[in-house]
Amino acid sequence: MLEAVGPLWAATMRLADPRALHRSAVGLRRGSDPVMRTILEGLTVDRVYLQGESSGELDGREGLEKAGVRVVTVPGAGHNVMFDHPEAFVAAVAGPA
């Protein structure tokens, strides 16, 4: 697993307790009711869905945008945009000027 995630993310994983990683994975797999997408779409505050380009196309992007969620895809980034492209992460979270 550490080899697959690359050196930077592997460094953070080495600091985590394996039980905590397992519990997080189980909780994420279990999901929530309602699901996180429904919660995100229903919020009335400014929202941004941030993803790395290497994550591929975002299923349901149009629905998020229709609900007022700003969807930002960061070029050259993977799942951990804040590690892969910190400047783009900051700019996306700060929003348009």
PDB file of N, CA and C in Angstrom:
ATOM      1  N   MET A   1       0.824  -1.187   0.000  1.00  0.00           N
ATOM      2  CA  MET A   1       0.000   0.000   0.000  1.00  0.00           C
ATOM      3  C   MET A   1       0.871   1.254   0.000  1.00  0.00           C
ATOM      4  N   LEU A   2       1.900   1.253   0.827  1.00  0.00           N
ATOM      5  CA  LEU A   2       2.772   2.433   0.902  1.00  0.00           C
ATOM      6  C   LEU A   2       3.454   2.710  -0.429  1.00  0.00           C
ATOM      7  N   GLU A   3       3.819   1.673  -1.155  1.00  0.00           N
ATOM      8  CA  GLU A   3       4.447   1.861  -2.460  1.00  0.00           C
ATOM      9  C   GLU A   3       3.456   2.448  -3.459  1.00  0.00           C
ATOM     10  N   ALA A   4       2.210   2.049  -3.371  1.00  0.00           N
ATOM     11  CA  ALA A   4       1.200   2.481  -4.342  1.00  0.00           C
ATOM     12  C   ALA A   4       0.824   3.949  -4.183  1.00  0.00           C
ATOM     13  N   VAL A   5       0.908   4.486  -2.978  1.00  0.00           N
ATOM     14  CA  VAL A   5       0.434   5.851  -2.743  1.00  0.00           C
ATOM     15  C   VAL A   5       1.490   6.913  -2.981  1.00  0.00           C
ATOM     16  N   GLY A   6       2.726   6.512  -3.190  1.00  0.00           N
ATOM     17  CA  GLY A   6       3.787   7.481  -3.446  1.00  0.00           C
ATOM     18  C   GLY A   6       4.459   7.938  -2.165  1.00  0.00           C
ATOM     19  N   PRO A   7       5.634   8.552  -2.278  1.00  0.00           N
ATOM     20  CA  PRO A   7       6.451   8.851  -1.104  1.00  0.00           C
ATOM     21  C   PRO A   7       5.860   9.883  -0.140  1.00  0.00           C
ATOM     22  N   LEU A   8       5.214  10.912  -0.650  1.00  0.00           N
ATOM     23  CA  LEU A   8       4.694  11.954   0.254  1.00  0.00           C
ATOM     24  C   LEU A   8       3.519  11.436   1.085  1.00  0.00           C
ATOM     25  N   TRP A   9       2.549  10.808   0.420  1.00  0.00           N
ATOM     26  CA  TRP A   9       1.401  10.269   1.151  1.00  0.00           C
ATOM     27  C   TRP A   9       1.838   9.104   2.039  1.00  0.00           C
ATOM     28  N   ALA A  10       2.794   8.323   1.582  1.00  0.00           N
ATOM     29  CA  ALA A  10       3.295   7.213   2.397  1.00  0.00           C
ATOM     30  C   ALA A  10       3.899   7.736   3.691  1.00  0.00           C
ATOM     31  N   ALA A  11       4.565   8.875   3.621  1.00  0.00           N
ATOM     32  CA  ALA A  11       5.160   9.455   4.832  1.00  0.00           C
ATOM     33  C   ALA A  11       4.087   9.798   5.855  1.00  0.00           C
ATOM     34  N   THR A  12       2.942  10.287   5.410  1.00  0.00           N
ATOM     35  CA  THR A  12       1.868  10.612   6.368  1.00  0.00           C
ATOM     36  C   THR A  12       1.211   9.339   6.890  1.00  0.00           C
ATOM     37  N   MET A  13       1.093   8.323   6.023  1.00  0.00           N
ATOM     38  CA  MET A  13       0.474   7.067   6.462  1.00  0.00           C
ATOM     39  C   MET A  13       1.324   6.367   7.514  1.00  0.00           C
ATOM     40  N   ARG A  14       2.635   6.513   7.427  1.00  0.00           N
ATOM     41  CA  ARG A  14       3.517   5.867   8.409  1.00  0.00           C
ATOM     42  C   ARG A  14       3.297   6.421   9.812  1.00  0.00           C
ATOM     43  N   LEU A  15       2.763   7.641   9.902  1.00  0.00           N
ATOM     44  CA  LEU A  15       2.524   8.263  11.205  1.00  0.00           C
ATOM     45  C   LEU A  15       1.193   7.846  11.819  1.00  0.00           C
ATOM     46  N   ALA A  16       0.331   7.240  11.024  1.00  0.00           N
ATOM     47  CA  ALA A  16      -1.018   6.891  11.487  1.00  0.00           C
ATOM     48  C   ALA A  16      -1.036   5.496  12.110  1.00  0.00           C
ATOM     49  N   ASP A  17      -1.870   5.351  13.095  1.00  0.00           N
ATOM     50  CA  ASP A  17      -2.088   4.047  13.702  1.00  0.00           C
ATOM     51  C   ASP A  17      -2.858   3.175  12.710  1.00  0.00           C
ATOM     52  N   PRO A  18      -2.405   1.956  12.433  1.00  0.00           N
ATOM     53  CA  PRO A  18      -3.120   1.088  11.481  1.00  0.00           C
ATOM     54  C   PRO A  18      -4.579   0.865  11.858  1.00  0.00           C
ATOM     55  N   ARG A  19      -4.879   0.817  13.156  1.00  0.00           N
ATOM     56  CA  ARG A  19      -6.279   0.648  13.568  1.00  0.00           C
ATOM     57  C   ARG A  19      -7.109   1.856  13.174  1.00  0.00           C
ATOM     58  N   ALA A  20      -6.523   3.061  13.284  1.00  0.00           N
ATOM     59  CA  ALA A  20      -7.241   4.278  12.902  1.00  0.00           C
ATOM     60  C   ALA A  20      -7.505   4.283  11.394  1.00  0.00           C
ATOM     61  N   LEU A  21      -6.513   3.880  10.609  1.00  0.00           N
ATOM     62  CA  LEU A  21      -6.716   3.809   9.161  1.00  0.00           C
ATOM     63  C   LEU A  21      -7.826   2.819   8.817  1.00  0.00           C
ATOM     64  N   HIS A  22      -7.810   1.683   9.503  1.00  0.00           N
ATOM     65  CA  HIS A  22      -8.841   0.668   9.256  1.00  0.00           C
ATOM     66  C   HIS A  22     -10.223   1.207   9.624  1.00  0.00           C
ATOM     67  N   ARG A  23     -10.340   1.829  10.776  1.00  0.00           N
ATOM     68  CA  ARG A  23     -11.638   2.365  11.199  1.00  0.00           C
ATOM     69  C   ARG A  23     -12.139   3.439  10.245  1.00  0.00           C
ATOM     70  N   SER A  24     -11.220   4.279   9.764  1.00  0.00           N
ATOM     71  CA  SER A  24     -11.609   5.301   8.786  1.00  0.00           C
ATOM     72  C   SER A  24     -12.113   4.649   7.504  1.00  0.00           C
ATOM     73  N   ALA A  25     -11.394   3.634   7.032  1.00  0.00           N
ATOM     74  CA  ALA A  25     -11.796   2.952   5.805  1.00  0.00           C
ATOM     75  C   ALA A  25     -13.156   2.288   5.959  1.00  0.00           C
ATOM     76  N   VAL A  26     -13.382   1.646   7.094  1.00  0.00           N
ATOM     77  CA  VAL A  26     -14.666   0.982   7.343  1.00  0.00           C
ATOM     78  C   VAL A  26     -15.784   2.025   7.388  1.00  0.00           C
ATOM     79  N   GLY A  27     -15.538   3.139   8.066  1.00  0.00           N
ATOM     80  CA  GLY A  27     -16.546   4.188   8.155  1.00  0.00           C
ATOM     81  C   GLY A  27     -16.858   4.809   6.803  1.00  0.00           C
ATOM     82  N   LEU A  28     -15.817   5.040   6.007  1.00  0.00           N
ATOM     83  CA  LEU A  28     -16.030   5.594   4.670  1.00  0.00           C
ATOM     84  C   LEU A  28     -16.810   4.621   3.792  1.00  0.00           C
ATOM     85  N   ARG A  29     -16.495   3.348   3.909  1.00  0.00           N
ATOM     86  CA  ARG A  29     -17.195   2.330   3.118  1.00  0.00           C
ATOM     87  C   ARG A  29     -18.659   2.232   3.532  1.00  0.00           C
ATOM     88  N   ARG A  30     -18.904   2.346   4.819  1.00  0.00           N
ATOM     89  CA  ARG A  30     -20.265   2.255   5.337  1.00  0.00           C
ATOM     90  C   ARG A  30     -21.091   3.433   4.844  1.00  0.00           C
ATOM     91  N   GLY A  31     -20.466   4.603   4.803  1.00  0.00           N
ATOM     92  CA  GLY A  31     -21.159   5.788   4.326  1.00  0.00           C
ATOM     93  C   GLY A  31     -22.043   6.404   5.394  1.00  0.00           C
ATOM     94  N   SER A  32     -22.872   7.312   4.958  1.00  0.00           N
ATOM     95  CA  SER A  32     -23.767   8.004   5.875  1.00  0.00           C
ATOM     96  C   SER A  32     -25.171   8.020   5.278  1.00  0.00           C
ATOM     97  N   ASP A  33     -26.133   8.374   6.091  1.00  0.00           N
ATOM     98  CA  ASP A  33     -27.511   8.489   5.646  1.00  0.00           C
ATOM     99  C   ASP A  33     -28.065   9.807   6.144  1.00  0.00           C
ATOM    100  N   PRO A  34     -28.248  10.793   5.279  1.00  0.00           N
ATOM    101  CA  PRO A  34     -28.087  10.744   3.826  1.00  0.00           C
ATOM    102  C   PRO A  34     -26.612  10.725   3.440  1.00  0.00           C
ATOM    103  N   VAL A  35     -26.353  10.407   2.182  1.00  0.00           N
ATOM    104  CA  VAL A  35     -24.973  10.348   1.706  1.00  0.00           C
ATOM    105  C   VAL A  35     -24.383  11.750   1.666  1.00  0.00           C
ATOM    106  N   MET A  36     -23.058  11.837   1.676  1.00  0.00           N
ATOM    107  CA  MET A  36     -22.369  13.127   1.730  1.00  0.00           C
ATOM    108  C   MET A  36     -22.727  14.036   0.563  1.00  0.00           C
ATOM    109  N   ARG A  37     -22.927  13.497  -0.609  1.00  0.00           N
ATOM    110  CA  ARG A  37     -23.286  14.326  -1.769  1.00  0.00           C
ATOM    111  C   ARG A  37     -24.612  15.038  -1.521  1.00  0.00           C
ATOM    112  N   THR A  38     -25.573  14.346  -0.973  1.00  0.00           N
ATOM    113  CA  THR A  38     -26.875  14.956  -0.672  1.00  0.00           C
ATOM    114  C   THR A  38     -26.718  16.059   0.360  1.00  0.00           C
ATOM    115  N   ILE A  39     -25.895  15.817   1.361  1.00  0.00           N
ATOM    116  CA  ILE A  39     -25.640  16.832   2.379  1.00  0.00           C
ATOM    117  C   ILE A  39     -24.992  18.052   1.737  1.00  0.00           C
ATOM    118  N   LEU A  40     -23.980  17.833   0.903  1.00  0.00           N
ATOM    119  CA  LEU A  40     -23.275  18.925   0.234  1.00  0.00           C
ATOM    120  C   LEU A  40     -24.220  19.735  -0.643  1.00  0.00           C
ATOM    121  N   GLU A  41     -25.056  19.060  -1.397  1.00  0.00           N
ATOM    122  CA  GLU A  41     -25.998  19.758  -2.275  1.00  0.00           C
ATOM    123  C   GLU A  41     -27.012  20.583  -1.493  1.00  0.00           C
ATOM    124  N   GLY A  42     -27.344  20.157  -0.291  1.00  0.00           N
ATOM    125  CA  GLY A  42     -28.367  20.845   0.491  1.00  0.00           C
ATOM    126  C   GLY A  42     -27.876  22.002   1.341  1.00  0.00           C
ATOM    127  N   LEU A  43     -26.576  22.161   1.488  1.00  0.00           N
ATOM    128  CA  LEU A  43     -26.050  23.251   2.307  1.00  0.00           C
ATOM    129  C   LEU A  43     -26.315  24.598   1.642  1.00  0.00           C
ATOM    130  N   THR A  44     -26.430  25.641   2.454  1.00  0.00           N
ATOM    131  CA  THR A  44     -26.706  26.973   1.909  1.00  0.00           C
ATOM    132  C   THR A  44     -25.489  27.894   1.950  1.00  0.00           C
ATOM    133  N   VAL A  45     -24.354  27.380   2.370  1.00  0.00           N
ATOM    134  CA  VAL A  45     -23.115  28.167   2.398  1.00  0.00           C
ATOM    135  C   VAL A  45     -22.371  27.957   1.079  1.00  0.00           C
ATOM    136  N   ASP A  46     -21.354  28.785   0.818  1.00  0.00           N
ATOM    137  CA  ASP A  46     -20.520  28.568  -0.362  1.00  0.00           C
ATOM    138  C   ASP A  46     -19.850  27.206  -0.239  1.00  0.00           C
ATOM    139  N   ARG A  47     -19.856  26.457  -1.331  1.00  0.00           N
ATOM    140  CA  ARG A  47     -19.277  25.117  -1.330  1.00  0.00           C
ATOM    141  C   ARG A  47     -18.379  24.937  -2.529  1.00  0.00           C
ATOM    142  N   VAL A  48     -17.336  24.143  -2.347  1.00  0.00           N
ATOM    143  CA  VAL A  48     -16.456  23.779  -3.452  1.00  0.00           C
ATOM    144  C   VAL A  48     -16.140  22.295  -3.340  1.00  0.00           C
ATOM    145  N   TYR A  49     -16.203  21.613  -4.481  1.00  0.00           N
ATOM    146  CA  TYR A  49     -15.806  20.220  -4.569  1.00  0.00           C
ATOM    147  C   TYR A  49     -14.494  20.227  -5.323  1.00  0.00           C
ATOM    148  N   LEU A  50     -13.448  19.825  -4.670  1.00  0.00           N
ATOM    149  CA  LEU A  50     -12.104  19.901  -5.213  1.00  0.00           C
ATOM    150  C   LEU A  50     -11.605  18.501  -5.519  1.00  0.00           C
ATOM    151  N   GLN A  51     -11.107  18.309  -6.744  1.00  0.00           N
ATOM    152  CA  GLN A  51     -10.566  16.998  -7.103  1.00  0.00           C
ATOM    153  C   GLN A  51      -9.352  17.168  -7.984  1.00  0.00           C
ATOM    154  N   GLY A  52      -8.487  16.179  -7.936  1.00  0.00           N
ATOM    155  CA  GLY A  52      -7.317  16.166  -8.796  1.00  0.00           C
ATOM    156  C   GLY A  52      -7.664  15.616 -10.164  1.00  0.00           C
ATOM    157  N   GLU A  53      -6.972  16.100 -11.155  1.00  0.00           N
ATOM    158  CA  GLU A  53      -7.205  15.678 -12.535  1.00  0.00           C
ATOM    159  C   GLU A  53      -7.062  14.169 -12.709  1.00  0.00           C
ATOM    160  N   SER A  54      -6.092  13.572 -12.011  1.00  0.00           N
ATOM    161  CA  SER A  54      -5.865  12.135 -12.195  1.00  0.00           C
ATOM    162  C   SER A  54      -6.968  11.280 -11.575  1.00  0.00           C
ATOM    163  N   SER A  55      -7.921  11.907 -10.881  1.00  0.00           N
ATOM    164  CA  SER A  55      -9.066  11.172 -10.344  1.00  0.00           C
ATOM    165  C   SER A  55     -10.072  10.826 -11.430  1.00  0.00           C
ATOM    166  N   GLY A  56      -9.937  11.456 -12.600  1.00  0.00           N
ATOM    167  CA  GLY A  56     -10.856  11.166 -13.702  1.00  0.00           C
ATOM    168  C   GLY A  56     -12.099  12.026 -13.654  1.00  0.00           C
ATOM    169  N   GLU A  57     -13.046  11.679 -14.484  1.00  0.00           N
ATOM    170  CA  GLU A  57     -14.299  12.430 -14.551  1.00  0.00           C
ATOM    171  C   GLU A  57     -15.097  12.248 -13.259  1.00  0.00           C
ATOM    172  N   LEU A  58     -15.749  13.297 -12.830  1.00  0.00           N
ATOM    173  CA  LEU A  58     -16.570  13.260 -11.617  1.00  0.00           C
ATOM    174  C   LEU A  58     -17.993  12.892 -11.990  1.00  0.00           C
ATOM    175  N   ASP A  59     -18.437  11.716 -11.574  1.00  0.00           N
ATOM    176  CA  ASP A  59     -19.821  11.315 -11.811  1.00  0.00           C
ATOM    177  C   ASP A  59     -20.755  12.277 -11.092  1.00  0.00           C
ATOM    178  N   GLY A  60     -21.754  12.759 -11.795  1.00  0.00           N
ATOM    179  CA  GLY A  60     -22.741  13.636 -11.183  1.00  0.00           C
ATOM    180  C   GLY A  60     -22.294  15.079 -11.038  1.00  0.00           C
ATOM    181  N   ARG A  61     -21.261  15.463 -11.767  1.00  0.00           N
ATOM    182  CA  ARG A  61     -20.744  16.837 -11.683  1.00  0.00           C
ATOM    183  C   ARG A  61     -21.855  17.854 -11.954  1.00  0.00           C
ATOM    184  N   GLU A  62     -22.657  17.592 -12.971  1.00  0.00           N
ATOM    185  CA  GLU A  62     -23.714  18.528 -13.344  1.00  0.00           C
ATOM    186  C   GLU A  62     -24.702  18.752 -12.197  1.00  0.00           C
ATOM    187  N   GLY A  63     -25.017  17.701 -11.472  1.00  0.00           N
ATOM    188  CA  GLY A  63     -25.938  17.824 -10.338  1.00  0.00           C
ATOM    189  C   GLY A  63     -25.366  18.693  -9.236  1.00  0.00           C
ATOM    190  N   LEU A  64     -24.078  18.533  -8.965  1.00  0.00           N
ATOM    191  CA  LEU A  64     -23.431  19.378  -7.960  1.00  0.00           C
ATOM    192  C   LEU A  64     -23.454  20.841  -8.391  1.00  0.00           C
ATOM    193  N   GLU A  65     -23.094  21.073  -9.650  1.00  0.00           N
ATOM    194  CA  GLU A  65     -23.063  22.446 -10.144  1.00  0.00           C
ATOM    195  C   GLU A  65     -24.466  23.063 -10.156  1.00  0.00           C
ATOM    196  N   LYS A  66     -25.464  22.277 -10.502  1.00  0.00           N
ATOM    197  CA  LYS A  66     -26.845  22.761 -10.498  1.00  0.00           C
ATOM    198  C   LYS A  66     -27.278  23.164  -9.087  1.00  0.00           C
ATOM    199  N   ALA A  67     -26.734  22.466  -8.085  1.00  0.00           N
ATOM    200  CA  ALA A  67     -27.051  22.778  -6.686  1.00  0.00           C
ATOM    201  C   ALA A  67     -26.230  23.953  -6.162  1.00  0.00           C
ATOM    202  N   GLY A  68     -25.354  24.527  -7.017  1.00  0.00           N
ATOM    203  CA  GLY A  68     -24.563  25.682  -6.614  1.00  0.00           C
ATOM    204  C   GLY A  68     -23.196  25.361  -6.059  1.00  0.00           C
ATOM    205  N   VAL A  69     -22.773  24.118  -6.216  1.00  0.00           N
ATOM    206  CA  VAL A  69     -21.445  23.711  -5.744  1.00  0.00           C
ATOM    207  C   VAL A  69     -20.437  24.045  -6.840  1.00  0.00           C
ATOM    208  N   ARG A  70     -19.395  24.770  -6.474  1.00  0.00           N
ATOM    209  CA  ARG A  70     -18.317  25.069  -7.417  1.00  0.00           C
ATOM    210  C   ARG A  70     -17.415  23.838  -7.494  1.00  0.00           C
ATOM    211  N   VAL A  71     -17.272  23.273  -8.681  1.00  0.00           N
ATOM    212  CA  VAL A  71     -16.445  22.082  -8.883  1.00  0.00           C
ATOM    213  C   VAL A  71     -15.140  22.522  -9.537  1.00  0.00           C
ATOM    214  N   VAL A  72     -14.021  22.197  -8.890  1.00  0.00           N
ATOM    215  CA  VAL A  72     -12.699  22.581  -9.386  1.00  0.00           C
ATOM    216  C   VAL A  72     -11.871  21.319  -9.567  1.00  0.00           C
ATOM    217  N   THR A  73     -11.349  21.134 -10.782  1.00  0.00           N
ATOM    218  CA  THR A  73     -10.437  20.034 -11.067  1.00  0.00           C
ATOM    219  C   THR A  73      -9.040  20.624 -11.221  1.00  0.00           C
ATOM    220  N   VAL A  74      -8.113  20.164 -10.394  1.00  0.00           N
ATOM    221  CA  VAL A  74      -6.757  20.703 -10.383  1.00  0.00           C
ATOM    222  C   VAL A  74      -5.870  19.866 -11.302  1.00  0.00           C
ATOM    223  N   PRO A  75      -5.331  20.498 -12.364  1.00  0.00           N
ATOM    224  CA  PRO A  75      -4.455  19.778 -13.290  1.00  0.00           C
ATOM    225  C   PRO A  75      -3.203  19.244 -12.588  1.00  0.00           C
ATOM    226  N   GLY A  76      -2.803  18.049 -12.974  1.00  0.00           N
ATOM    227  CA  GLY A  76      -1.572  17.463 -12.458  1.00  0.00           C
ATOM    228  C   GLY A  76      -1.639  16.994 -11.025  1.00  0.00           C
ATOM    229  N   ALA A  77      -2.824  16.975 -10.447  1.00  0.00           N
ATOM    230  CA  ALA A  77      -2.967  16.544  -9.053  1.00  0.00           C
ATOM    231  C   ALA A  77      -3.729  15.230  -8.988  1.00  0.00           C
ATOM    232  N   GLY A  78      -3.512  14.528  -7.888  1.00  0.00           N
ATOM    233  CA  GLY A  78      -4.231  13.290  -7.631  1.00  0.00           C
ATOM    234  C   GLY A  78      -5.251  13.500  -6.525  1.00  0.00           C
ATOM    235  N   HIS A  79      -5.466  12.464  -5.735  1.00  0.00           N
ATOM    236  CA  HIS A  79      -6.452  12.498  -4.653  1.00  0.00           C
ATOM    237  C   HIS A  79      -6.100  13.547  -3.597  1.00  0.00           C
ATOM    238  N   ASN A  80      -4.835  13.722  -3.308  1.00  0.00           N
ATOM    239  CA  ASN A  80      -4.399  14.667  -2.276  1.00  0.00           C
ATOM    240  C   ASN A  80      -3.896  15.950  -2.903  1.00  0.00           C
ATOM    241  N   VAL A  81      -4.844  16.769  -3.338  1.00  0.00           N
ATOM    242  CA  VAL A  81      -4.519  18.003  -4.046  1.00  0.00           C
ATOM    243  C   VAL A  81      -3.613  18.884  -3.194  1.00  0.00           C
ATOM    244  N   MET A  82      -3.825  18.908  -1.893  1.00  0.00           N
ATOM    245  CA  MET A  82      -3.029  19.785  -1.024  1.00  0.00           C
ATOM    246  C   MET A  82      -1.558  19.395  -0.989  1.00  0.00           C
ATOM    247  N   PHE A  83      -1.255  18.146  -1.258  1.00  0.00           N
ATOM    248  CA  PHE A  83       0.139  17.706  -1.357  1.00  0.00           C
ATOM    249  C   PHE A  83       0.671  17.874  -2.778  1.00  0.00           C
ATOM    250  N   ASP A  84      -0.146  17.482  -3.746  1.00  0.00           N
ATOM    251  CA  ASP A  84       0.287  17.463  -5.137  1.00  0.00           C
ATOM    252  C   ASP A  84       0.443  18.862  -5.734  1.00  0.00           C
ATOM    253  N   HIS A  85      -0.412  19.783  -5.311  1.00  0.00           N
ATOM    254  CA  HIS A  85      -0.395  21.130  -5.895  1.00  0.00           C
ATOM    255  C   HIS A  85      -0.932  22.120  -4.851  1.00  0.00           C
ATOM    256  N   PRO A  86      -0.131  22.426  -3.807  1.00  0.00           N
ATOM    257  CA  PRO A  86      -0.614  23.243  -2.697  1.00  0.00           C
ATOM    258  C   PRO A  86      -1.122  24.630  -3.111  1.00  0.00           C
ATOM    259  N   GLU A  87      -0.488  25.246  -4.100  1.00  0.00           N
ATOM    260  CA  GLU A  87      -0.924  26.582  -4.512  1.00  0.00           C
ATOM    261  C   GLU A  87      -2.331  26.534  -5.107  1.00  0.00           C
ATOM    262  N   ALA A  88      -2.601  25.529  -5.919  1.00  0.00           N
ATOM    263  CA  ALA A  88      -3.920  25.385  -6.520  1.00  0.00           C
ATOM    264  C   ALA A  88      -4.965  25.055  -5.453  1.00  0.00           C
ATOM    265  N   PHE A  89      -4.577  24.280  -4.452  1.00  0.00           N
ATOM    266  CA  PHE A  89      -5.485  23.964  -3.346  1.00  0.00           C
ATOM    267  C   PHE A  89      -5.913  25.247  -2.628  1.00  0.00           C
ATOM    268  N   VAL A  90      -4.938  26.071  -2.277  1.00  0.00           N
ATOM    269  CA  VAL A  90      -5.224  27.326  -1.576  1.00  0.00           C
ATOM    270  C   VAL A  90      -6.119  28.215  -2.428  1.00  0.00           C
ATOM    271  N   ALA A  91      -5.791  28.338  -3.710  1.00  0.00           N
ATOM    272  CA  ALA A  91      -6.576  29.195  -4.603  1.00  0.00           C
ATOM    273  C   ALA A  91      -8.024  28.688  -4.729  1.00  0.00           C
ATOM    274  N   ALA A  92      -8.194  27.377  -4.814  1.00  0.00           N
ATOM    275  CA  ALA A  92      -9.545  26.817  -4.960  1.00  0.00           C
ATOM    276  C   ALA A  92     -10.363  27.010  -3.692  1.00  0.00           C
ATOM    277  N   VAL A  93      -9.754  26.818  -2.550  1.00  0.00           N
ATOM    278  CA  VAL A  93     -10.480  26.981  -1.282  1.00  0.00           C
ATOM    279  C   VAL A  93     -10.804  28.472  -1.046  1.00  0.00           C
ATOM    280  N   ALA A  94      -9.883  29.348  -1.415  1.00  0.00           N
ATOM    281  CA  ALA A  94     -10.110  30.798  -1.234  1.00  0.00           C
ATOM    282  C   ALA A  94     -11.208  31.291  -2.156  1.00  0.00           C
ATOM    283  N   GLY A  95     -11.357  30.656  -3.310  1.00  0.00           N
ATOM    284  CA  GLY A  95     -12.411  31.047  -4.240  1.00  0.00           C
ATOM    285  C   GLY A  95     -11.980  32.150  -5.176  1.00  0.00           C
ATOM    286  N   PRO A  96     -12.893  32.490  -6.081  1.00  0.00           N
ATOM    287  CA  PRO A  96     -12.574  33.534  -7.057  1.00  0.00           C
ATOM    288  C   PRO A  96     -12.351  34.878  -6.380  1.00  0.00           C
ATOM    289  N   ALA A  97     -11.454  35.646  -6.951  1.00  0.00           N
ATOM    290  CA  ALA A  97     -11.115  36.972  -6.379  1.00  0.00           C
ATOM    291  C   ALA A  97     -12.221  37.972  -6.595  1.00  0.00           C
TER     292      ALA A  97
END
